[in-house]
Protein backbone atom coordinates (compact mmCIF):
# COMPACT_ATOMS: atom_id res chain seq x y z
CA MET A 1 9.81 13.25 22.08
CA ALA A 2 8.92 9.57 22.15
CA THR A 3 11.06 7.23 20.09
CA LYS A 4 9.38 4.96 17.60
CA PRO A 5 9.63 1.26 18.42
CA LYS A 6 11.96 -0.77 16.26
CA ILE A 7 10.13 -3.51 14.46
CA LYS A 8 11.79 -6.92 14.46
CA GLU A 9 12.22 -8.93 11.26
CA ILE A 10 9.82 -11.62 12.52
CA GLN A 11 7.16 -8.95 13.09
CA LYS A 12 7.74 -7.56 9.60
CA LYS A 13 7.33 -11.06 8.17
CA THR A 14 4.10 -11.58 10.17
CA VAL A 15 2.59 -8.31 8.94
CA SER A 16 3.65 -8.99 5.35
CA LEU A 17 2.08 -12.46 5.45
CA PHE A 18 -1.07 -11.05 7.06
CA PHE A 19 -1.62 -8.62 4.16
CA GLU A 20 -0.52 -11.01 1.41
CA PRO A 21 -4.08 -12.24 0.64
CA LEU A 22 -5.21 -8.62 0.22
CA VAL A 23 -2.31 -7.93 -2.16
CA LEU A 24 -3.29 -11.03 -4.17
CA GLN A 25 -6.92 -9.88 -4.22
CA PHE A 26 -5.87 -6.47 -5.55
CA ASN A 27 -3.71 -8.10 -8.23
CA LYS A 28 -6.58 -10.31 -9.44
CA ARG A 29 -8.56 -7.18 -10.33
CA ILE A 30 -5.89 -5.73 -12.64
CA ASP A 31 -7.07 -5.33 -16.24
CA LEU A 32 -5.09 -7.77 -18.39
CA THR A 33 -5.94 -5.88 -21.59
CA PRO A 34 -5.37 -2.21 -20.69
CA ASP A 35 -5.60 0.80 -22.98
CA LYS A 36 -1.90 1.28 -23.69
CA LYS A 37 -2.35 4.91 -24.73
CA TYR A 38 -2.18 5.73 -21.02
CA ALA A 39 -0.21 4.52 -18.01
CA TYR A 40 -1.72 1.30 -16.70
CA LEU A 41 -1.47 -0.73 -13.49
CA VAL A 42 0.61 -3.91 -13.78
CA GLU A 43 1.20 -4.94 -10.14
CA VAL A 44 0.28 -4.24 -6.53
CA TYR A 45 2.75 -5.22 -3.82
CA GLY A 46 3.75 -4.42 -0.27
CA GLU A 47 7.14 -3.34 1.02
CA TRP A 48 8.68 -2.06 4.22
CA HIS A 49 10.14 1.41 4.75
CA GLY A 50 11.40 1.59 8.33
CA ASN A 51 8.37 1.10 10.59
CA HIS A 52 5.94 1.48 7.69
CA TYR A 53 4.43 -1.26 5.55
CA CYS A 54 3.40 0.39 2.28
CA PHE A 55 1.04 -0.83 -0.41
CA CYS A 56 2.51 0.11 -3.79
CA GLU A 57 1.15 0.27 -7.34
CA LYS A 58 3.51 -0.36 -10.25
CA TYR A 59 2.48 1.25 -13.53
CA LYS A 60 3.75 0.84 -17.06
CA ASP A 61 3.60 3.64 -19.61
CA GLU A 62 4.18 2.84 -23.28
CA SER A 63 2.97 6.19 -24.58
CA GLY A 64 6.43 7.74 -24.61
CA ASN A 65 5.19 10.71 -22.56
CA ARG A 66 7.24 9.86 -19.45
CA PRO A 67 10.98 9.72 -18.82
CA SER A 68 10.61 6.12 -17.60
CA ASP A 69 8.53 3.21 -18.90
CA GLU A 70 7.61 2.15 -15.35
CA PHE A 71 6.87 4.01 -12.15
CA VAL A 72 5.71 3.14 -8.63
CA ARG A 73 3.19 4.96 -6.49
CA LYS A 74 2.63 4.21 -2.79
CA PHE A 75 -1.06 4.46 -1.91
CA LEU A 76 -1.43 3.09 1.65
CA ARG A 77 0.86 3.19 4.67
CA ILE A 78 0.53 1.10 7.79
CA GLU A 79 2.73 2.32 10.62
CA PHE A 80 3.81 -0.18 13.23
CA ILE A 81 3.20 1.21 16.71
CA SER A 82 3.42 -1.96 18.82
CA PRO A 83 2.99 -5.70 18.18
CA ASN A 84 -0.78 -5.27 18.47
CA ASN A 85 -1.34 -1.76 17.14
CA VAL A 86 -0.89 0.06 13.84
CA SER A 87 -1.93 3.33 12.25
CA LEU A 88 -3.40 3.64 8.76
CA SER A 89 -2.73 6.49 6.29
CA TYR A 90 -3.45 6.97 2.60
CA ILE A 91 -1.74 9.19 0.06
CA ARG A 92 -3.68 12.26 -0.97
CA HIS A 93 -3.68 13.83 -4.42
CA THR A 94 -1.27 16.39 -2.96
CA GLY A 95 1.34 13.67 -2.39
CA GLN A 96 1.02 14.01 1.39
CA TRP A 97 0.11 11.15 3.71
CA HIS A 98 -3.26 11.59 5.39
CA PRO A 99 -3.66 9.71 8.71
CA VAL A 100 -6.99 7.94 9.01
CA VAL A 101 -6.82 6.10 12.34
CA LYS A 102 -4.26 5.34 15.02
CA ASN A 103 -3.87 2.45 17.43
CA ILE A 104 -5.98 -0.18 15.70
CA THR A 105 -5.38 -3.89 15.36
CA LEU A 106 -4.17 -5.46 12.13
CA GLN A 107 -7.56 -7.14 11.74
CA THR A 108 -9.43 -3.84 12.08
CA CYS A 109 -7.00 -2.26 9.61
CA LEU A 110 -7.63 -5.05 7.09
CA GLU A 111 -11.40 -4.67 7.46
CA MET A 112 -11.17 -0.89 6.94
CA ILE A 113 -9.12 -1.35 3.76
CA ASN A 114 -11.52 -3.97 2.38
CA GLU A 115 -14.61 -1.86 3.11
CA ASN A 116 -13.43 1.49 1.72
CA PRO A 117 -12.59 1.92 -2.00
CA THR A 118 -10.52 5.02 -1.09
CA PHE A 119 -7.92 2.54 0.16
CA HIS A 120 -7.88 0.44 -3.03
CA PRO A 121 -5.52 0.75 -6.00
CA LEU A 122 -6.43 2.96 -8.94
CA TYR A 123 -7.64 0.44 -11.51
């Protein structure tokens, strides 16, 4: 079984900075006057989990129907394969990650995310 490459901190920083404009773009589309009867999106951000850079949605729920007022949902996962290659997966309604493509460049990954609403937050 092949071992996964360890990603260096400088590579993590580079990937995070590369996707920062997309995170900002997603955050600009958040409704600033949501219907507070339901859980609503308050922030989109990226974070690292091992070799995976995940796009996360933070929700707030003021309805009193949940044990917590806030919760986070990961919706995209970019797996680092090598300095020039990543794989893209999205979370299905089942809670399982669904791989979309493997061994693509960061630029191609960014273009795929921008072009396909399936890879966007739930507004």
